[in-house]
C-alpha atoms as a PDB file:
ATOM      1  CA  MET A   1     -14.834  66.926 -89.052  1.00  0.00           C
ATOM      2  CA  LYS A   2     -14.268  68.909 -85.860  1.00  0.00           C
ATOM      3  CA  LYS A   3     -14.988  65.807 -83.741  1.00  0.00           C
ATOM      4  CA  LEU A   4     -12.068  64.006 -85.507  1.00  0.00           C
ATOM      5  CA  LEU A   5      -9.689  66.985 -85.450  1.00  0.00           C
ATOM      6  CA  LEU A   6      -9.750  67.553 -81.684  1.00  0.00           C
ATOM      7  CA  PRO A   7      -8.782  63.956 -80.654  1.00  0.00           C
ATOM      8  CA  SER A   8      -6.045  63.968 -83.293  1.00  0.00           C
ATOM      9  CA  LEU A   9      -4.604  67.251 -81.918  1.00  0.00           C
ATOM     10  CA  ILE A  10      -4.710  65.870 -78.416  1.00  0.00           C
ATOM     11  CA  VAL A  11      -2.881  62.715 -79.454  1.00  0.00           C
ATOM     12  CA  CYS A  12      -0.233  64.821 -81.120  1.00  0.00           C
ATOM     13  CA  LEU A  13       0.069  66.997 -78.031  1.00  0.00           C
ATOM     14  CA  PHE A  14       0.692  64.061 -75.671  1.00  0.00           C
ATOM     15  CA  THR A  15       2.569  61.693 -78.017  1.00  0.00           C
ATOM     16  CA  GLY A  16       4.507  64.133 -80.089  1.00  0.00           C
ATOM     17  CA  CYS A  17       3.773  64.469 -83.799  1.00  0.00           C
ATOM     18  CA  GLU A  18       6.794  64.044 -85.991  1.00  0.00           C
ATOM     19  CA  THR A  19       7.174  66.792 -88.542  1.00  0.00           C
ATOM     20  CA  THR A  20      10.753  66.244 -89.651  1.00  0.00           C
ATOM     21  CA  ASN A  21      11.364  64.917 -93.129  1.00  0.00           C
ATOM     22  CA  THR A  22      13.555  61.844 -93.266  1.00  0.00           C
ATOM     23  CA  PRO A  23      15.751  61.322 -96.293  1.00  0.00           C
ATOM     24  CA  THR A  24      14.359  58.824 -98.805  1.00  0.00           C
ATOM     25  CA  LEU A  25      16.513  55.774 -99.149  1.00  0.00           C
ATOM     26  CA  THR A  26      16.471  53.378-102.040  1.00  0.00           C
ATOM     27  CA  PRO A  27      15.662  49.735-101.357  1.00  0.00           C
ATOM     28  CA  LEU A  28      19.294  48.841-102.003  1.00  0.00           C
ATOM     29  CA  GLU A  29      20.483  51.446 -99.457  1.00  0.00           C
ATOM     30  CA  ILE A  30      17.996  50.044 -96.912  1.00  0.00           C
ATOM     31  CA  ARG A  31      19.250  46.453 -97.617  1.00  0.00           C
ATOM     32  CA  ASN A  32      22.833  47.592 -97.086  1.00  0.00           C
ATOM     33  CA  ILE A  33      21.902  49.104 -93.692  1.00  0.00           C
ATOM     34  CA  GLN A  34      19.988  46.083 -92.562  1.00  0.00           C
ATOM     35  CA  SER A  35      22.193  43.194 -93.847  1.00  0.00           C
ATOM     36  CA  ARG A  36      25.520  41.629 -92.999  1.00  0.00           C
ATOM     37  CA  ASN A  37      27.336  38.570 -94.234  1.00  0.00           C
ATOM     38  CA  PHE A  38      29.224  36.314 -91.814  1.00  0.00           C
ATOM     39  CA  GLU A  39      31.772  33.575 -92.370  1.00  0.00           C
ATOM     40  CA  ALA A  40      30.159  31.320 -89.838  1.00  0.00           C
ATOM     41  CA  ASP A  41      27.908  28.304 -89.699  1.00  0.00           C
ATOM     42  CA  TYR A  42      24.177  28.997 -90.328  1.00  0.00           C
ATOM     43  CA  ASN A  43      23.042  27.595 -86.966  1.00  0.00           C
ATOM     44  CA  ILE A  44      25.596  29.709 -85.080  1.00  0.00           C
ATOM     45  CA  VAL A  45      24.483  32.884 -86.810  1.00  0.00           C
ATOM     46  CA  PHE A  46      20.819  32.042 -86.283  1.00  0.00           C
ATOM     47  CA  ARG A  47      21.261  31.396 -82.592  1.00  0.00           C
ATOM     48  CA  SER A  48      23.477  34.476 -82.203  1.00  0.00           C
ATOM     49  CA  VAL A  49      20.788  36.724 -83.654  1.00  0.00           C
ATOM     50  CA  VAL A  50      18.127  35.237 -81.298  1.00  0.00           C
ATOM     51  CA  ALA A  51      20.509  35.786 -78.363  1.00  0.00           C
ATOM     52  CA  VAL A  52      21.236  39.412 -79.381  1.00  0.00           C
ATOM     53  CA  PHE A  53      17.509  40.239 -79.643  1.00  0.00           C
ATOM     54  CA  GLN A  54      17.094  38.897 -76.109  1.00  0.00           C
ATOM     55  CA  ASP A  55      20.151  40.843 -74.922  1.00  0.00           C
ATOM     56  CA  LEU A  56      18.599  44.001 -76.362  1.00  0.00           C
ATOM     57  CA  GLY A  57      15.425  43.403 -74.331  1.00  0.00           C
ATOM     58  CA  TYR A  58      13.186  41.835 -76.970  1.00  0.00           C
ATOM     59  CA  THR A  59      10.799  38.937 -76.299  1.00  0.00           C
ATOM     60  CA  ILE A  60      11.077  36.283 -79.012  1.00  0.00           C
ATOM     61  CA  LYS A  61       7.629  35.676 -80.575  1.00  0.00           C
ATOM     62  CA  SER A  62       8.836  33.078 -83.053  1.00  0.00           C
ATOM     63  CA  ALA A  63      12.113  31.631 -84.290  1.00  0.00           C
ATOM     64  CA  ASP A  64      12.084  29.042 -87.030  1.00  0.00           C
ATOM     65  CA  VAL A  65      15.524  27.628 -87.812  1.00  0.00           C
ATOM     66  CA  GLU A  66      14.151  25.914 -90.980  1.00  0.00           C
ATOM     67  CA  THR A  67      13.000  29.167 -92.633  1.00  0.00           C
ATOM     68  CA  GLY A  68      15.537  31.455 -90.878  1.00  0.00           C
ATOM     69  CA  PHE A  69      12.818  33.844 -89.719  1.00  0.00           C
ATOM     70  CA  ILE A  70      12.849  35.394 -86.268  1.00  0.00           C
ATOM     71  CA  GLN A  71      10.217  37.778 -84.855  1.00  0.00           C
ATOM     72  CA  ALA A  72      10.543  39.645 -81.584  1.00  0.00           C
ATOM     73  CA  ASP A  73       8.736  42.387 -79.664  1.00  0.00           C
ATOM     74  CA  GLY A  74      10.196  45.063 -77.385  1.00  0.00           C
ATOM     75  CA  ALA A  75       8.511  46.215 -74.268  1.00  0.00           C
ATOM     76  CA  ALA A  76       5.360  48.291 -74.792  1.00  0.00           C
ATOM     77  CA  ASP A  77       5.187  51.839 -73.365  1.00  0.00           C
ATOM     78  CA  SER A  78       1.776  53.365 -72.682  1.00  0.00           C
ATOM     79  CA  ASN A  79       1.100  57.045 -72.173  1.00  0.00           C
ATOM     80  CA  GLU A  80      -0.692  56.993 -68.800  1.00  0.00           C
ATOM     81  CA  ALA A  81      -1.170  60.761 -68.660  1.00  0.00           C
ATOM     82  CA  LEU A  82      -3.031  60.766 -72.000  1.00  0.00           C
ATOM     83  CA  LYS A  83      -5.293  57.991 -70.719  1.00  0.00           C
ATOM     84  CA  PHE A  84      -5.990  59.773 -67.402  1.00  0.00           C
ATOM     85  CA  TRP A  85      -6.788  63.193 -68.886  1.00  0.00           C
ATOM     86  CA  THR A  86      -8.569  62.293 -72.104  1.00  0.00           C
ATOM     87  CA  GLY A  87      -9.637  58.638 -71.916  1.00  0.00           C
ATOM     88  CA  MET A  88      -7.550  57.943 -75.000  1.00  0.00           C
ATOM     89  CA  THR A  89      -4.616  55.574 -75.085  1.00  0.00           C
ATOM     90  CA  SER A  90      -1.335  55.568 -76.941  1.00  0.00           C
ATOM     91  CA  THR A  91       1.056  52.666 -76.797  1.00  0.00           C
ATOM     92  CA  SER A  92       4.440  52.555 -78.521  1.00  0.00           C
ATOM     93  CA  GLN A  93       6.501  49.471 -79.072  1.00  0.00           C
ATOM     94  CA  THR A  94       9.534  48.452 -81.083  1.00  0.00           C
ATOM     95  CA  LYS A  95       9.361  45.280 -83.100  1.00  0.00           C
ATOM     96  CA  ALA A  96      12.233  43.402 -84.573  1.00  0.00           C
ATOM     97  CA  SER A  97      12.584  40.661 -87.182  1.00  0.00           C
ATOM     98  CA  ALA A  98      15.430  38.887 -88.829  1.00  0.00           C
ATOM     99  CA  PHE A  99      16.001  36.645 -91.823  1.00  0.00           C
ATOM    100  CA  VAL A 100      19.027  34.383 -91.736  1.00  0.00           C
ATOM    101  CA  GLU A 101      20.077  32.457 -94.878  1.00  0.00           C
ATOM    102  CA  ARG A 102      23.016  30.615 -96.300  1.00  0.00           C
ATOM    103  CA  ILE A 103      24.462  32.254 -99.442  1.00  0.00           C
ATOM    104  CA  GLY A 104      27.378  30.394-100.925  1.00  0.00           C
ATOM    105  CA  LYS A 105      29.988  29.891 -98.245  1.00  0.00           C
ATOM    106  CA  LYS A 106      28.663  32.719 -96.128  1.00  0.00           C
ATOM    107  CA  THR A 107      25.633  33.228 -93.872  1.00  0.00           C
ATOM    108  CA  SER A 108      23.602  36.393 -94.395  1.00  0.00           C
ATOM    109  CA  ALA A 109      21.476  38.062 -91.692  1.00  0.00           C
ATOM    110  CA  ARG A 110      19.036  40.804 -92.380  1.00  0.00           C
ATOM    111  CA  LEU A 111      17.567  42.694 -89.392  1.00  0.00           C
ATOM    112  CA  SER A 112      14.578  44.935 -89.391  1.00  0.00           C
ATOM    113  CA  PHE A 113      13.420  47.256 -86.543  1.00  0.00           C
ATOM    114  CA  VAL A 114      10.001  48.999 -86.684  1.00  0.00           C
ATOM    115  CA  GLU A 115       8.484  51.504 -84.296  1.00  0.00           C
ATOM    116  CA  SER A 116       4.731  50.761 -83.797  1.00  0.00           C
ATOM    117  CA  VAL A 117       2.327  53.251 -82.159  1.00  0.00           C
ATOM    118  CA  GLU A 118      -1.201  52.154 -81.431  1.00  0.00           C
ATOM    119  CA  ALA A 119      -3.808  54.680 -80.309  1.00  0.00           C
ATOM    120  CA  SER A 120      -7.451  54.437 -79.342  1.00  0.00           C
ATOM    121  CA  THR A 121      -9.941  57.112 -78.643  1.00  0.00           C
ATOM    122  CA  ALA A 122     -12.545  57.367 -75.909  1.00  0.00           C
ATOM    123  CA  TYR A 123     -15.054  56.539 -78.656  1.00  0.00           C
ATOM    124  CA  GLY A 124     -13.449  53.139 -79.409  1.00  0.00           C
ATOM    125  CA  ALA A 125     -11.772  54.033 -82.645  1.00  0.00           C
ATOM    126  CA  ASN A 126      -8.299  52.383 -83.052  1.00  0.00           C
ATOM    127  CA  SER A 127      -5.314  53.259 -85.185  1.00  0.00           C
ATOM    128  CA  ARG A 128      -1.833  51.891 -85.664  1.00  0.00           C
ATOM    129  CA  ASN A 129       1.133  53.592 -87.268  1.00  0.00           C
ATOM    130  CA  GLU A 130       4.260  51.554 -87.990  1.00  0.00           C
ATOM    131  CA  LYS A 131       7.476  53.198 -89.186  1.00  0.00           C
ATOM    132  CA  PRO A 132      10.704  51.474 -90.128  1.00  0.00           C
ATOM    133  CA  ILE A 133      13.685  52.491 -88.064  1.00  0.00           C
ATOM    134  CA  LEU A 134      16.522  53.256 -90.470  1.00  0.00           C
ATOM    135  CA  ASP A 135      19.161  54.679 -88.108  1.00  0.00           C
ATOM    136  CA  THR A 136      22.473  53.104 -89.239  1.00  0.00           C
ATOM    137  CA  GLN A 137      23.923  53.313 -85.703  1.00  0.00           C
ATOM    138  CA  ILE A 138      21.192  51.007 -84.353  1.00  0.00           C
ATOM    139  CA  TYR A 139      21.914  48.355 -86.957  1.00  0.00           C
ATOM    140  CA  GLN A 140      25.675  48.688 -86.565  1.00  0.00           C
ATOM    141  CA  ASN A 141      25.325  48.182 -82.812  1.00  0.00           C
ATOM    142  CA  ALA A 142      23.155  45.133 -83.332  1.00  0.00           C
ATOM    143  CA  PHE A 143      25.539  43.577 -85.878  1.00  0.00           C
ATOM    144  CA  GLU A 144      28.527  44.232 -83.603  1.00  0.00           C
ATOM    145  CA  ARG A 145      26.688  42.281 -80.896  1.00  0.00           C
ATOM    146  CA  VAL A 146      25.940  39.496 -83.360  1.00  0.00           C
ATOM    147  CA  GLU A 147      29.589  39.313 -84.337  1.00  0.00           C
ATOM    148  CA  ASN A 148      30.565  39.128 -80.642  1.00  0.00           C
ATOM    149  CA  ALA A 149      28.027  36.394 -80.098  1.00  0.00           C
ATOM    150  CA  ILE A 150      29.350  34.439 -83.129  1.00  0.00           C
ATOM    151  CA  PHE A 151      32.885  34.803 -81.776  1.00  0.00           C
ATOM    152  CA  VAL A 152      31.885  33.466 -78.371  1.00  0.00           C
ATOM    153  CA  ARG A 153      30.023  30.482 -79.898  1.00  0.00           C
ATOM    154  CA  THR A 154      32.847  29.595 -82.328  1.00  0.00           C
ATOM    155  CA  SER A 155      35.642  29.973 -79.841  1.00  0.00           C
ATOM    156  CA  SER A 156      33.962  27.678 -77.276  1.00  0.00           C
ATOM    157  CA  GLU A 157      33.530  24.793 -79.744  1.00  0.00           C
END
């Protein structure tokens, strides 16, 4: 037990253990934060979401216009001090995904941002912790950019 406790404490020391309690949101509240409807063509909304992810620094892993699903990864950030002093590694990365669909006369886009932290010990044990990002300001900023991209695409036609 002591062998497992020490590496965990060292990882917390160098990566910062989160102890704050986040408010619990219902699935409907999460959907409201992550979704927006647009009165624009499906293809324009889809391409606008892809462009906004790229503008925000994400690398597009996949984008399928048929299914409306987009996956993207942000840049990875490794803790070099932790690796140097302990032989353990900790890498954090933000991942994004979107689902775009036509609903009636509108096009809906749902975005999702997740913070992923991968750690490995000097003994070869690996762990990954993924936590949804539910900060309304992040989603509002992304949707404002999507609206701007839609405007640019529709006004240039």
